[in-house]
Amino acid sequence: EIKGTVRTFTPGAGGDYSKGTIRTIVGQPYVATVKDGIGTAATFYYPAGMCLAPDGKTLYMVDGTTNGTVRKIFYK
């Protein structure tokens, strides 16, 4: 578990996840601040409660700590 990041996990050839790739979309691991930004310049404490919008490109995420910040993440 890497707190403070939202990541994608893409399977390798033939759907083999053991040969897949992991990519950080937003956030920085183990950074204990909250800051708006693009990609890894954005920071948050603990991503939780995520929902992908019907457009398939917008992700809403709630910071799972007591601050309850809702983040809007645009994903390509």
Protein backbone atom coordinates (compact mmCIF):
# COMPACT_ATOMS: atom_id res chain seq x y z
CA GLU A 1 0.00 0.00 0.00
CA ILE A 2 1.35 3.40 -1.00
CA LYS A 3 -0.55 6.12 0.82
CA GLY A 4 -0.93 9.47 -0.90
CA THR A 5 -1.10 8.18 -4.48
CA VAL A 6 -3.67 7.06 -7.02
CA ARG A 7 -2.25 4.51 -9.44
CA THR A 8 -3.26 2.49 -12.50
CA PHE A 9 -2.41 -1.14 -12.98
CA THR A 10 -2.30 -2.27 -16.62
CA PRO A 11 -1.95 -5.97 -17.41
CA GLY A 12 0.75 -7.25 -19.74
CA ALA A 13 0.24 -9.26 -22.92
CA GLY A 14 -2.75 -11.59 -22.79
CA GLY A 15 -4.07 -9.95 -19.62
CA ASP A 16 -1.18 -11.20 -17.47
CA TYR A 17 -1.08 -8.92 -14.42
CA SER A 18 2.19 -10.46 -13.21
CA LYS A 19 3.83 -8.82 -16.23
CA GLY A 20 1.84 -5.60 -16.06
CA THR A 21 2.83 -2.04 -15.26
CA ILE A 22 1.90 0.26 -12.39
CA ARG A 23 1.79 4.02 -13.00
CA THR A 24 1.15 6.84 -10.54
CA ILE A 25 -1.56 9.16 -11.86
CA VAL A 26 -1.54 11.70 -9.03
CA GLY A 27 0.07 12.22 -5.67
CA GLN A 28 3.35 11.45 -3.99
CA PRO A 29 3.97 8.49 -1.70
CA TYR A 30 4.18 9.22 2.02
CA VAL A 31 3.86 13.02 1.66
CA ALA A 32 1.80 14.33 4.60
CA THR A 33 0.49 17.56 3.07
CA VAL A 34 -2.53 18.58 1.00
CA LYS A 35 -1.77 20.62 -2.12
CA ASP A 36 -3.56 21.12 -5.43
CA GLY A 37 -1.47 20.43 -8.50
CA ILE A 38 -1.07 18.49 -11.71
CA GLY A 39 0.02 14.85 -11.59
CA THR A 40 2.60 14.13 -8.92
CA ALA A 41 2.62 17.80 -7.89
CA ALA A 42 -0.74 17.17 -6.19
CA THR A 43 -0.58 15.79 -2.67
CA PHE A 44 -3.15 14.40 -0.25
CA TYR A 45 -3.12 12.30 2.87
CA TYR A 46 -5.13 9.18 2.17
CA PRO A 47 -7.11 8.57 -1.03
CA ALA A 48 -10.40 6.83 -0.37
CA GLY A 49 -13.89 6.70 -1.81
CA MET A 50 -13.27 7.02 -5.55
CA CYS A 51 -15.84 7.31 -8.31
CA LEU A 52 -15.26 7.44 -12.06
CA ALA A 53 -17.61 9.79 -13.92
CA PRO A 54 -19.59 8.52 -16.93
CA ASP A 55 -17.13 10.23 -19.32
CA GLY A 56 -14.47 7.70 -18.23
CA LYS A 57 -11.91 10.50 -17.82
CA THR A 58 -12.89 12.27 -14.61
CA LEU A 59 -12.22 10.64 -11.26
CA TYR A 60 -13.63 12.03 -8.01
CA MET A 61 -11.69 11.10 -4.89
CA VAL A 62 -12.32 11.82 -1.22
CA ASP A 63 -9.35 12.34 1.08
CA GLY A 64 -10.05 9.67 3.69
CA THR A 65 -8.76 11.72 6.63
CA THR A 66 -10.84 14.05 8.75
CA ASN A 67 -10.45 16.94 6.29
CA GLY A 68 -12.90 15.27 3.84
CA THR A 69 -11.53 17.10 0.79
CA VAL A 70 -13.06 16.02 -2.51
CA ARG A 71 -10.62 16.05 -5.43
CA LYS A 72 -11.49 16.11 -9.12
CA ILE A 73 -8.87 14.29 -11.17
CA PHE A 74 -8.78 14.39 -14.96
CA TYR A 75 -7.40 11.15 -16.35
CA LYS A 76 -6.33 10.55 -19.95
